[in-house]
N, C-alpha and C. Protein backbone atom coordinates (compact mmCIF):
# COMPACT_ATOMS: atom_id res chain seq x y z
N MET A 1 0.82 -1.20 0.00
CA MET A 1 0.00 0.00 0.00
C MET A 1 0.86 1.26 0.00
N LEU A 2 1.92 1.26 0.81
CA LEU A 2 2.81 2.42 0.85
C LEU A 2 3.49 2.64 -0.48
N GLY A 3 3.83 1.59 -1.18
CA GLY A 3 4.45 1.69 -2.49
C GLY A 3 3.54 2.40 -3.48
N LEU A 4 2.24 2.18 -3.37
CA LEU A 4 1.28 2.84 -4.25
C LEU A 4 1.28 4.35 -4.02
N LEU A 5 1.38 4.78 -2.77
CA LEU A 5 1.41 6.22 -2.46
C LEU A 5 2.64 6.90 -3.05
N PHE A 6 3.77 6.21 -3.07
CA PHE A 6 4.99 6.81 -3.61
C PHE A 6 4.93 6.96 -5.12
N ASN A 7 4.05 6.23 -5.78
CA ASN A 7 3.94 6.30 -7.23
C ASN A 7 2.86 7.29 -7.70
N VAL A 8 2.20 7.95 -6.78
CA VAL A 8 1.16 8.91 -7.13
C VAL A 8 1.78 10.29 -7.34
N ASN A 9 1.50 10.90 -8.46
CA ASN A 9 1.95 12.26 -8.73
C ASN A 9 0.88 13.21 -8.20
N PHE A 10 1.07 13.67 -6.97
CA PHE A 10 0.06 14.49 -6.31
C PHE A 10 -0.16 15.82 -7.02
N THR A 11 0.88 16.37 -7.62
CA THR A 11 0.72 17.62 -8.38
C THR A 11 -0.22 17.40 -9.54
N GLN A 12 -0.04 16.32 -10.27
CA GLN A 12 -0.92 16.04 -11.41
C GLN A 12 -2.35 15.77 -10.95
N VAL A 13 -2.52 15.09 -9.83
CA VAL A 13 -3.87 14.85 -9.29
C VAL A 13 -4.53 16.18 -8.95
N TRP A 14 -3.79 17.08 -8.27
CA TRP A 14 -4.35 18.38 -7.91
C TRP A 14 -4.71 19.20 -9.15
N LEU A 15 -3.83 19.21 -10.15
CA LEU A 15 -4.10 19.99 -11.36
C LEU A 15 -5.33 19.47 -12.09
N SER A 16 -5.49 18.18 -12.12
CA SER A 16 -6.67 17.58 -12.76
C SER A 16 -7.94 17.96 -11.99
N LEU A 17 -7.89 17.87 -10.67
CA LEU A 17 -9.04 18.27 -9.86
C LEU A 17 -9.33 19.77 -10.00
N ASN A 18 -8.28 20.57 -9.99
CA ASN A 18 -8.42 22.01 -10.12
C ASN A 18 -9.14 22.35 -11.43
N PHE A 19 -8.75 21.71 -12.51
CA PHE A 19 -9.39 21.97 -13.80
C PHE A 19 -10.87 21.61 -13.74
N ASP A 20 -11.17 20.44 -13.25
CA ASP A 20 -12.57 19.98 -13.21
C ASP A 20 -13.43 20.81 -12.26
N ILE A 21 -12.91 21.12 -11.08
CA ILE A 21 -13.69 21.83 -10.07
C ILE A 21 -14.02 23.26 -10.51
N PHE A 22 -13.05 23.94 -11.11
CA PHE A 22 -13.22 25.36 -11.42
C PHE A 22 -13.56 25.64 -12.88
N LEU A 23 -13.81 24.60 -13.67
CA LEU A 23 -14.07 24.81 -15.09
C LEU A 23 -15.27 25.72 -15.34
N HIS A 24 -16.37 25.48 -14.67
CA HIS A 24 -17.57 26.30 -14.91
C HIS A 24 -17.34 27.76 -14.52
N SER A 25 -16.63 27.99 -13.43
CA SER A 25 -16.32 29.36 -13.04
C SER A 25 -15.40 30.03 -14.05
N ARG A 26 -14.43 29.29 -14.56
CA ARG A 26 -13.54 29.85 -15.59
C ARG A 26 -14.33 30.14 -16.86
N GLU A 27 -15.29 29.29 -17.20
CA GLU A 27 -16.14 29.55 -18.37
C GLU A 27 -16.98 30.81 -18.15
N ASP A 28 -17.41 31.06 -16.92
CA ASP A 28 -18.12 32.31 -16.60
C ASP A 28 -17.21 33.51 -16.86
N VAL A 29 -15.95 33.40 -16.45
CA VAL A 29 -14.99 34.48 -16.67
C VAL A 29 -14.79 34.72 -18.17
N VAL A 30 -14.67 33.64 -18.94
CA VAL A 30 -14.53 33.77 -20.40
C VAL A 30 -15.72 34.55 -20.95
N ALA A 31 -16.92 34.24 -20.50
CA ALA A 31 -18.13 34.94 -20.96
C ALA A 31 -18.08 36.42 -20.58
N LEU A 32 -17.58 36.74 -19.39
CA LEU A 32 -17.45 38.13 -18.96
C LEU A 32 -16.46 38.89 -19.84
N VAL A 33 -15.35 38.26 -20.18
CA VAL A 33 -14.37 38.89 -21.07
C VAL A 33 -14.97 39.10 -22.45
N ARG A 34 -15.61 38.07 -22.96
CA ARG A 34 -16.20 38.14 -24.30
C ARG A 34 -17.25 39.25 -24.40
N SER A 35 -18.03 39.44 -23.34
CA SER A 35 -19.10 40.45 -23.35
C SER A 35 -18.60 41.86 -23.05
N GLY A 36 -17.30 41.99 -22.70
CA GLY A 36 -16.75 43.30 -22.40
C GLY A 36 -16.95 43.76 -20.97
N GLN A 37 -17.45 42.89 -20.12
CA GLN A 37 -17.69 43.25 -18.72
C GLN A 37 -16.40 43.26 -17.89
N LEU A 38 -15.37 42.56 -18.37
CA LEU A 38 -14.05 42.61 -17.74
C LEU A 38 -13.11 43.33 -18.70
N ILE A 39 -12.51 44.39 -18.23
CA ILE A 39 -11.65 45.22 -19.06
C ILE A 39 -10.19 44.94 -18.70
N SER A 40 -9.37 44.70 -19.71
CA SER A 40 -7.95 44.44 -19.50
C SER A 40 -7.20 45.72 -19.22
N GLY A 41 -6.22 45.61 -18.34
CA GLY A 41 -5.33 46.73 -18.06
C GLY A 41 -4.10 46.63 -18.94
N SER A 42 -2.98 47.07 -18.41
CA SER A 42 -1.74 47.04 -19.19
C SER A 42 -1.31 45.62 -19.48
N TYR A 43 -0.84 45.42 -20.68
CA TYR A 43 -0.35 44.12 -21.15
C TYR A 43 -1.39 43.01 -21.06
N GLY A 44 -2.67 43.36 -21.08
CA GLY A 44 -3.73 42.36 -21.07
C GLY A 44 -4.06 41.81 -19.70
N ARG A 45 -3.41 42.31 -18.67
CA ARG A 45 -3.68 41.84 -17.30
C ARG A 45 -5.05 42.34 -16.86
N THR A 46 -5.86 41.42 -16.33
CA THR A 46 -7.22 41.74 -15.95
C THR A 46 -7.49 41.24 -14.54
N GLU A 47 -7.93 42.14 -13.68
CA GLU A 47 -8.27 41.73 -12.32
C GLU A 47 -9.64 41.05 -12.33
N LEU A 48 -9.73 39.96 -11.60
CA LEU A 48 -10.97 39.19 -11.56
C LEU A 48 -11.92 39.73 -10.50
N PRO A 49 -13.22 39.62 -10.75
CA PRO A 49 -14.19 39.96 -9.70
C PRO A 49 -13.99 39.04 -8.49
N ARG A 50 -14.37 39.52 -7.36
CA ARG A 50 -14.15 38.81 -6.09
C ARG A 50 -14.57 37.34 -6.13
N GLN A 51 -15.74 37.05 -6.72
CA GLN A 51 -16.25 35.68 -6.71
C GLN A 51 -15.44 34.74 -7.61
N TYR A 52 -14.52 35.29 -8.44
CA TYR A 52 -13.72 34.46 -9.33
C TYR A 52 -12.23 34.52 -9.03
N LEU A 53 -11.84 35.15 -7.93
CA LEU A 53 -10.43 35.30 -7.62
C LEU A 53 -9.67 33.97 -7.61
N TRP A 54 -10.28 32.94 -7.10
CA TRP A 54 -9.62 31.63 -6.93
C TRP A 54 -9.51 30.84 -8.23
N THR A 55 -10.01 31.38 -9.35
CA THR A 55 -9.87 30.66 -10.62
C THR A 55 -8.48 30.83 -11.22
N SER A 56 -7.68 31.72 -10.63
CA SER A 56 -6.32 31.98 -11.09
C SER A 56 -5.43 32.18 -9.86
N CYS A 57 -4.17 31.84 -9.97
CA CYS A 57 -3.28 31.82 -8.80
C CYS A 57 -3.08 33.17 -8.14
N ASP A 58 -3.23 34.25 -8.89
CA ASP A 58 -2.99 35.57 -8.30
C ASP A 58 -4.19 36.51 -8.42
N GLY A 59 -5.36 35.97 -8.73
CA GLY A 59 -6.56 36.80 -8.82
C GLY A 59 -6.65 37.64 -10.08
N THR A 60 -5.79 37.34 -11.05
CA THR A 60 -5.83 38.03 -12.33
C THR A 60 -5.77 37.01 -13.46
N ILE A 61 -6.13 37.45 -14.65
CA ILE A 61 -5.95 36.65 -15.85
C ILE A 61 -5.20 37.49 -16.87
N ASP A 62 -4.56 36.83 -17.80
CA ASP A 62 -3.92 37.51 -18.92
C ASP A 62 -4.79 37.28 -20.14
N VAL A 63 -5.21 38.36 -20.78
CA VAL A 63 -6.11 38.29 -21.92
C VAL A 63 -5.40 38.81 -23.15
N ASP A 64 -5.51 38.08 -24.24
CA ASP A 64 -4.96 38.55 -25.51
C ASP A 64 -6.06 38.50 -26.56
N LYS A 65 -6.40 39.66 -27.08
CA LYS A 65 -7.38 39.76 -28.16
C LYS A 65 -6.76 40.46 -29.36
N SER A 66 -5.42 40.35 -29.50
CA SER A 66 -4.73 41.07 -30.56
C SER A 66 -4.98 40.48 -31.95
N THR A 67 -5.49 39.28 -31.98
CA THR A 67 -5.85 38.67 -33.26
C THR A 67 -7.34 38.36 -33.22
N GLU A 68 -7.82 37.65 -34.22
CA GLU A 68 -9.23 37.27 -34.24
C GLU A 68 -9.55 36.28 -33.13
N THR A 69 -8.54 35.63 -32.61
CA THR A 69 -8.72 34.63 -31.57
C THR A 69 -8.58 35.26 -30.19
N MET A 70 -9.51 34.97 -29.29
CA MET A 70 -9.40 35.42 -27.91
C MET A 70 -8.70 34.33 -27.11
N GLU A 71 -7.69 34.74 -26.35
CA GLU A 71 -6.93 33.81 -25.53
C GLU A 71 -6.84 34.34 -24.11
N ILE A 72 -7.04 33.45 -23.14
CA ILE A 72 -7.02 33.84 -21.73
C ILE A 72 -6.19 32.82 -20.96
N LEU A 73 -5.27 33.31 -20.14
CA LEU A 73 -4.46 32.45 -19.28
C LEU A 73 -4.94 32.57 -17.84
N PHE A 74 -5.32 31.44 -17.26
CA PHE A 74 -5.65 31.32 -15.83
C PHE A 74 -4.45 30.62 -15.20
N CYS A 75 -3.61 31.35 -14.47
CA CYS A 75 -2.40 30.72 -13.95
C CYS A 75 -2.69 29.83 -12.74
N THR A 76 -1.91 28.78 -12.62
CA THR A 76 -1.90 27.96 -11.42
C THR A 76 -0.60 28.17 -10.66
N PHE A 77 0.41 28.69 -11.37
CA PHE A 77 1.70 29.06 -10.79
C PHE A 77 2.28 30.17 -11.63
N SER A 78 2.83 31.18 -10.96
CA SER A 78 3.47 32.28 -11.67
C SER A 78 4.74 32.64 -10.92
N GLY A 79 5.86 32.50 -11.59
CA GLY A 79 7.15 32.85 -11.00
C GLY A 79 7.78 33.99 -11.78
N PHE A 80 9.00 34.34 -11.40
CA PHE A 80 9.71 35.44 -12.05
C PHE A 80 9.86 35.20 -13.54
N ASP A 81 10.25 33.99 -13.92
CA ASP A 81 10.47 33.71 -15.34
C ASP A 81 9.72 32.46 -15.81
N SER A 82 8.68 32.08 -15.09
CA SER A 82 7.92 30.90 -15.49
C SER A 82 6.45 31.09 -15.16
N VAL A 83 5.64 30.32 -15.84
CA VAL A 83 4.20 30.36 -15.61
C VAL A 83 3.63 28.99 -15.97
N ALA A 84 2.59 28.60 -15.27
CA ALA A 84 1.86 27.38 -15.60
C ALA A 84 0.38 27.68 -15.39
N GLY A 85 -0.44 27.09 -16.24
CA GLY A 85 -1.86 27.31 -16.06
C GLY A 85 -2.69 26.82 -17.23
N TYR A 86 -3.96 27.15 -17.15
CA TYR A 86 -4.94 26.74 -18.15
C TYR A 86 -5.17 27.88 -19.12
N VAL A 87 -5.14 27.58 -20.40
CA VAL A 87 -5.36 28.58 -21.43
C VAL A 87 -6.68 28.28 -22.13
N TYR A 88 -7.53 29.30 -22.19
CA TYR A 88 -8.74 29.21 -23.01
C TYR A 88 -8.41 29.87 -24.34
N SER A 89 -8.80 29.24 -25.43
CA SER A 89 -8.59 29.83 -26.75
C SER A 89 -9.67 29.36 -27.71
N ASP A 90 -10.11 30.30 -28.56
CA ASP A 90 -11.09 29.95 -29.58
C ASP A 90 -10.51 28.94 -30.57
N GLN A 91 -9.19 29.00 -30.75
CA GLN A 91 -8.46 28.09 -31.64
C GLN A 91 -7.21 27.64 -30.90
N VAL A 92 -6.29 27.00 -31.60
CA VAL A 92 -5.02 26.63 -30.95
C VAL A 92 -4.31 27.94 -30.60
N PRO A 93 -3.94 28.13 -29.34
CA PRO A 93 -3.39 29.42 -28.91
C PRO A 93 -1.99 29.69 -29.45
N ASN A 94 -1.68 30.96 -29.58
CA ASN A 94 -0.33 31.42 -29.88
C ASN A 94 0.39 31.50 -28.54
N LEU A 95 1.24 30.55 -28.27
CA LEU A 95 1.85 30.45 -26.95
C LEU A 95 2.83 31.57 -26.64
N ASN A 96 3.26 32.31 -27.66
CA ASN A 96 4.18 33.43 -27.43
C ASN A 96 3.54 34.51 -26.58
N HIS A 97 2.22 34.59 -26.55
CA HIS A 97 1.54 35.61 -25.76
C HIS A 97 1.76 35.39 -24.27
N PHE A 98 1.88 34.15 -23.84
CA PHE A 98 1.92 33.84 -22.42
C PHE A 98 3.25 33.26 -21.96
N SER A 99 4.09 32.84 -22.88
CA SER A 99 5.34 32.18 -22.53
C SER A 99 6.35 33.19 -22.02
N ARG A 100 6.98 32.86 -20.91
CA ARG A 100 8.05 33.70 -20.36
C ARG A 100 9.40 33.02 -20.56
N GLY A 101 9.44 32.01 -21.37
CA GLY A 101 10.67 31.27 -21.59
C GLY A 101 10.40 30.04 -22.42
N LYS A 102 11.10 28.99 -22.11
CA LYS A 102 10.96 27.74 -22.84
C LYS A 102 9.66 27.03 -22.43
N ILE A 103 8.94 26.53 -23.42
CA ILE A 103 7.70 25.79 -23.15
C ILE A 103 8.06 24.37 -22.73
N LEU A 104 7.65 24.00 -21.52
CA LEU A 104 7.93 22.66 -21.00
C LEU A 104 6.81 21.69 -21.36
N GLU A 105 5.59 22.14 -21.20
CA GLU A 105 4.43 21.29 -21.48
C GLU A 105 3.36 22.11 -22.19
N PHE A 106 2.70 21.48 -23.12
CA PHE A 106 1.54 22.06 -23.77
C PHE A 106 0.67 20.90 -24.23
N GLN A 107 -0.58 20.89 -23.79
CA GLN A 107 -1.47 19.83 -24.22
C GLN A 107 -2.91 20.31 -24.23
N LYS A 108 -3.67 19.78 -25.15
CA LYS A 108 -5.09 20.09 -25.24
C LYS A 108 -5.82 19.23 -24.21
N LEU A 109 -6.65 19.87 -23.38
CA LEU A 109 -7.41 19.17 -22.36
C LEU A 109 -8.80 18.80 -22.85
N GLN A 110 -9.43 19.74 -23.53
CA GLN A 110 -10.72 19.53 -24.16
C GLN A 110 -10.94 20.72 -25.10
N GLU A 111 -12.06 20.76 -25.80
CA GLU A 111 -12.28 21.83 -26.76
C GLU A 111 -12.11 23.19 -26.08
N HIS A 112 -11.26 24.02 -26.65
CA HIS A 112 -10.95 25.38 -26.21
C HIS A 112 -10.05 25.46 -24.98
N TRP A 113 -9.70 24.37 -24.34
CA TRP A 113 -8.91 24.41 -23.11
C TRP A 113 -7.60 23.66 -23.27
N PHE A 114 -6.51 24.33 -22.81
CA PHE A 114 -5.16 23.79 -22.97
C PHE A 114 -4.40 23.96 -21.65
N TRP A 115 -3.40 23.10 -21.44
CA TRP A 115 -2.49 23.22 -20.31
C TRP A 115 -1.17 23.76 -20.83
N LEU A 116 -0.59 24.74 -20.13
CA LEU A 116 0.68 25.35 -20.53
C LEU A 116 1.59 25.43 -19.32
N SER A 117 2.84 25.04 -19.50
CA SER A 117 3.85 25.19 -18.46
C SER A 117 5.13 25.67 -19.12
N THR A 118 5.70 26.76 -18.60
CA THR A 118 6.93 27.31 -19.19
C THR A 118 7.98 27.54 -18.10
N THR A 119 9.19 27.71 -18.55
CA THR A 119 10.27 28.09 -17.65
C THR A 119 11.18 29.09 -18.32
């Protein structure tokens, strides 16, 4: 039994739960951005309303609408030169908008939702 615990990737379990638990709230945020109810500040940084603060690691999202595609980053970790989180995109996202360095992981989770990790 103890051997089974050592083989569990708890970070991956938490990230999977985090995505599932907060998906509907993140979709609400996407709708608010799309409708213009959330306004981006400098560099696309957008402060979240109080009820959605926990959908991103620092209570903000990064929004890019510079092309026809709307892209939003909900961070789960943000460091000086790295970021990890869930990206919403109408199409396959342009990762240069959110990457602060080398892309470590990128995968499609479901329609419009992607996982991004950079360093």
